[in-house]
Amino acid sequence: MQKQFKVIIAAAFVLLAVSAGITAAYMTDAEQAVNTFTYGSADISVTEEKWDETPPENKILYPDRIIPKDPAVTNTGTVNLYVYLEVHVPIRSVRTVSEDKTDIIPSRPQELFSYTVNTGWCMVDEYTAEDGSFKAYVYAYAEKALAPGETSGTLFDSVHFLNILEGELDMDSNVTMPVYTYGIQSNYIETSGSSAAERLESIYTGHKSELRTAFNG
């Protein structure tokens, strides 16, 4: 009401000033703008097209085998997102065969898979599980924030199974290498660092406790 009162007084002053001179005709109009706001959603999904297309018989592990596995992230929400992928590489105490296949290397804890990270991704964190069962690597997609509907490039395209000695793993056990994804809204977020990698690491570090809570929850 206070704002409307000030507008009415200002109009009265204009009317008096005009009336002191000549008679004027006034055209008037009024309109209203009603804004309905909706909540944006931060939703993401991780896909592995090559892995999904690979027949089961080609996913069976044997020493030194290369298997297609190509994780990527799709923004399925309605806001732009910085996206991250976290890879858990299993660790086991196993004997391996040397690269020239002439020696047996004594048993020690080793990561069972290796891979080559594609261009466009940068590592922002790594840690080992408390029980030593896996090593985790966290990568940020440094090309750009993903707009709704966009998909990142693949983090890697295949994994290489360690050249372990036959019988080192229980044949009845399953070996898993899970990949998890995080998304952080890119709008209105403060960053620091001179490069994209430094900025994305800064963002991840600033939200790490939230991500870990969501991950473990």
Protein backbone atom coordinates (compact mmCIF):
# COMPACT_ATOMS: atom_id res chain seq x y z
CA MET A 1 0.00 0.00 0.00
CA GLN A 2 2.85 2.41 0.71
CA LYS A 3 4.23 1.98 -2.81
CA GLN A 4 0.79 2.53 -4.39
CA PHE A 5 0.26 5.68 -2.32
CA LYS A 6 3.50 7.21 -3.61
CA VAL A 7 2.50 6.50 -7.20
CA ILE A 8 -0.91 8.15 -6.70
CA ILE A 9 0.63 11.28 -5.20
CA ALA A 10 3.08 11.57 -8.09
CA ALA A 11 0.22 11.30 -10.57
CA ALA A 12 -1.69 14.00 -8.72
CA PHE A 13 1.23 16.39 -9.04
CA VAL A 14 1.35 15.79 -12.77
CA LEU A 15 -2.39 16.39 -13.06
CA LEU A 16 -2.17 19.68 -11.19
CA ALA A 17 0.70 20.87 -13.33
CA VAL A 18 -1.17 20.12 -16.52
CA SER A 19 -4.45 21.57 -15.26
CA ALA A 20 -2.74 24.83 -14.59
CA GLY A 21 -2.10 25.18 -18.28
CA ILE A 22 -4.56 23.51 -20.64
CA THR A 23 -7.17 20.81 -20.44
CA ALA A 24 -5.72 17.42 -21.41
CA ALA A 25 -7.23 14.02 -22.18
CA TYR A 26 -5.66 10.98 -20.53
CA MET A 27 -5.44 7.43 -21.76
CA THR A 28 -4.98 4.87 -19.04
CA ASP A 29 -4.10 1.20 -18.90
CA ALA A 30 -3.29 -1.43 -16.31
CA GLU A 31 -1.89 -4.91 -16.51
CA GLN A 32 -0.61 -7.64 -14.23
CA ALA A 33 2.28 -10.05 -14.57
CA VAL A 34 1.86 -13.29 -12.67
CA ASN A 35 5.01 -15.43 -12.49
CA THR A 36 4.80 -19.11 -11.71
CA PHE A 37 8.14 -20.57 -10.68
CA THR A 38 8.99 -24.26 -10.89
CA TYR A 39 11.77 -26.14 -9.17
CA GLY A 40 14.73 -27.14 -11.31
CA SER A 41 15.94 -30.71 -11.00
CA ALA A 42 19.49 -32.03 -10.86
CA ASP A 43 19.26 -35.53 -12.28
CA ILE A 44 21.96 -37.59 -13.96
CA SER A 45 22.53 -41.11 -15.18
CA VAL A 46 25.62 -43.12 -16.01
CA THR A 47 25.60 -45.26 -19.15
CA GLU A 48 27.98 -47.82 -20.66
CA GLU A 49 26.85 -48.47 -24.22
CA LYS A 50 29.72 -50.74 -25.30
CA TRP A 51 29.45 -52.78 -22.10
CA ASP A 52 25.69 -53.17 -22.58
CA GLU A 53 26.19 -54.30 -26.18
CA THR A 54 28.89 -56.85 -25.27
CA PRO A 55 27.55 -60.43 -25.12
CA PRO A 56 27.95 -62.27 -21.78
CA GLU A 57 30.59 -64.65 -23.13
CA ASN A 58 32.85 -61.68 -23.89
CA LYS A 59 32.57 -60.40 -20.31
CA ILE A 60 34.11 -63.51 -18.77
CA LEU A 61 37.39 -62.65 -17.08
CA TYR A 62 40.66 -64.33 -17.79
CA PRO A 63 44.21 -63.05 -17.19
CA ASP A 64 45.34 -60.15 -19.38
CA ARG A 65 41.96 -59.79 -21.09
CA ILE A 66 40.65 -56.43 -22.38
CA ILE A 67 36.89 -55.89 -21.99
CA PRO A 68 34.78 -53.03 -23.42
CA LYS A 69 33.56 -50.68 -20.68
CA ASP A 70 32.77 -47.05 -21.49
CA PRO A 71 31.12 -44.98 -18.73
CA ALA A 72 29.61 -41.62 -19.66
CA VAL A 73 27.20 -39.24 -17.92
CA THR A 74 23.89 -37.87 -19.23
CA ASN A 75 22.19 -34.82 -17.71
CA THR A 76 18.56 -35.93 -17.38
CA GLY A 77 17.51 -32.95 -15.27
CA THR A 78 16.59 -29.35 -16.04
CA VAL A 79 19.68 -27.42 -14.87
CA ASN A 80 23.26 -27.25 -16.12
CA LEU A 81 25.60 -29.54 -14.18
CA TYR A 82 29.28 -30.13 -13.55
CA VAL A 83 29.59 -33.92 -13.63
CA TYR A 84 31.97 -36.37 -11.99
CA LEU A 85 32.58 -40.10 -12.23
CA GLU A 86 33.94 -42.22 -9.38
CA VAL A 87 35.51 -45.55 -10.29
CA HIS A 88 36.09 -48.31 -7.73
CA VAL A 89 38.90 -50.61 -8.82
CA PRO A 90 38.95 -53.88 -6.83
CA ILE A 91 42.13 -54.82 -4.97
CA ARG A 92 43.19 -58.38 -4.23
CA SER A 93 46.36 -60.05 -2.98
CA VAL A 94 47.39 -62.11 -6.00
CA ARG A 95 50.43 -63.47 -7.79
CA THR A 96 50.96 -62.13 -11.29
CA VAL A 97 53.00 -62.96 -14.36
CA SER A 98 55.70 -60.52 -15.47
CA GLU A 99 55.21 -58.52 -18.65
CA ASP A 100 57.64 -60.71 -20.55
CA LYS A 101 55.76 -63.73 -19.16
CA THR A 102 58.92 -65.35 -17.82
CA ASP A 103 58.59 -64.75 -14.07
CA ILE A 104 55.98 -65.15 -11.36
CA ILE A 105 55.69 -62.09 -9.13
CA PRO A 106 54.98 -62.90 -5.45
CA SER A 107 51.54 -62.21 -4.01
CA ARG A 108 50.78 -58.62 -2.98
CA PRO A 109 47.70 -56.33 -2.94
CA GLN A 110 47.11 -55.09 -6.47
CA GLU A 111 44.41 -53.37 -8.49
CA LEU A 112 42.76 -55.93 -10.74
CA PHE A 113 41.93 -53.55 -13.59
CA SER A 114 43.69 -50.75 -15.42
CA TYR A 115 42.40 -48.31 -18.05
CA THR A 116 43.36 -45.24 -20.06
CA VAL A 117 41.49 -42.03 -19.25
CA ASN A 118 40.16 -40.21 -22.31
CA THR A 119 40.75 -36.56 -23.14
CA GLY A 120 38.30 -34.21 -21.45
CA TRP A 121 38.47 -35.76 -17.97
CA CYS A 122 40.72 -34.87 -15.05
CA MET A 123 41.26 -36.66 -11.75
CA VAL A 124 40.23 -34.61 -8.71
CA ASP A 125 40.46 -37.16 -5.89
CA GLU A 126 41.54 -40.67 -4.97
CA TYR A 127 41.33 -42.81 -1.85
CA THR A 128 41.54 -46.41 -0.68
CA ALA A 129 38.69 -48.18 1.09
CA GLU A 130 39.24 -48.66 4.81
CA ASP A 131 39.19 -52.43 4.40
CA GLY A 132 41.57 -52.22 1.44
CA SER A 133 39.08 -53.89 -0.90
CA PHE A 134 39.21 -51.18 -3.61
CA LYS A 135 40.92 -48.01 -4.77
CA ALA A 136 38.61 -45.14 -5.74
CA TYR A 137 39.38 -42.52 -8.36
CA VAL A 138 37.18 -39.46 -8.90
CA TYR A 139 37.25 -37.68 -12.28
CA ALA A 140 35.63 -34.43 -13.41
CA TYR A 141 34.37 -33.78 -16.92
CA ALA A 142 36.44 -30.73 -17.84
CA GLU A 143 35.07 -30.04 -21.32
CA LYS A 144 32.08 -28.04 -20.04
CA ALA A 145 29.06 -28.11 -17.78
CA LEU A 146 26.43 -30.43 -19.24
CA ALA A 147 23.19 -28.78 -20.35
CA PRO A 148 19.92 -30.72 -19.93
CA GLY A 149 19.86 -33.63 -22.35
CA GLU A 150 23.60 -33.58 -23.05
CA THR A 151 25.96 -36.53 -22.58
CA SER A 152 29.63 -36.36 -21.69
CA GLY A 153 32.41 -38.10 -23.52
CA THR A 154 33.35 -41.52 -22.20
CA LEU A 155 35.79 -41.67 -19.28
CA PHE A 156 37.53 -44.68 -20.83
CA ASP A 157 36.57 -47.23 -23.47
CA SER A 158 37.83 -50.52 -22.05
CA VAL A 159 39.43 -52.10 -18.99
CA HIS A 160 42.43 -54.40 -18.87
CA PHE A 161 42.30 -57.27 -16.40
CA LEU A 162 45.52 -57.95 -14.52
CA ASN A 163 47.64 -60.83 -15.75
CA ILE A 164 47.17 -62.91 -12.61
CA LEU A 165 48.35 -66.44 -12.12
CA GLU A 166 45.71 -69.09 -12.67
CA GLY A 167 43.90 -70.08 -9.49
CA GLU A 168 44.64 -66.86 -7.61
CA LEU A 169 40.95 -65.89 -7.44
CA ASP A 170 38.00 -67.99 -6.38
CA MET A 171 36.27 -68.92 -9.62
CA ASP A 172 32.87 -68.78 -7.89
CA SER A 173 33.30 -65.17 -6.75
CA ASN A 174 32.16 -62.13 -8.70
CA VAL A 175 34.60 -59.34 -9.48
CA THR A 176 32.93 -55.94 -9.74
CA MET A 177 34.20 -52.54 -10.85
CA PRO A 178 31.35 -50.11 -10.10
CA VAL A 179 31.21 -46.59 -11.50
CA TYR A 180 29.24 -43.86 -9.74
CA THR A 181 28.33 -40.38 -10.92
CA TYR A 182 27.86 -37.01 -9.22
CA GLY A 183 26.30 -33.81 -10.50
CA ILE A 184 26.69 -30.29 -9.09
CA GLN A 185 24.60 -27.39 -10.39
CA SER A 186 26.90 -25.06 -12.34
CA ASN A 187 24.84 -21.87 -12.14
CA TYR A 188 25.73 -19.32 -9.47
CA ILE A 189 28.53 -21.42 -8.01
CA GLU A 190 31.79 -19.88 -6.84
CA THR A 191 35.00 -21.36 -8.21
CA SER A 192 38.70 -20.76 -7.79
CA GLY A 193 41.68 -21.79 -9.90
CA SER A 194 43.26 -20.71 -13.16
CA SER A 195 42.43 -23.86 -15.16
CA ALA A 196 39.26 -25.87 -15.66
CA ALA A 197 40.81 -28.78 -13.79
CA GLU A 198 41.66 -26.59 -10.79
CA ARG A 199 38.19 -25.04 -10.75
CA LEU A 200 36.44 -28.41 -10.95
CA GLU A 201 38.64 -29.78 -8.18
CA SER A 202 37.80 -26.73 -6.07
CA ILE A 203 34.07 -27.27 -6.65
CA TYR A 204 34.35 -30.96 -5.81
CA THR A 205 36.35 -30.26 -2.65
CA GLY A 206 33.82 -27.65 -1.52
CA HIS A 207 30.95 -30.12 -1.90
CA LYS A 208 32.80 -33.30 -1.00
CA SER A 209 31.09 -33.82 2.36
CA GLU A 210 27.64 -33.49 0.72
CA LEU A 211 28.61 -35.90 -2.05
CA ARG A 212 30.02 -38.44 0.37
CA THR A 213 26.86 -38.23 2.47
CA ALA A 214 24.67 -38.76 -0.61
CA PHE A 215 26.95 -41.56 -1.81
CA ASN A 216 26.86 -43.43 1.50
CA GLY A 217 23.19 -42.73 2.05
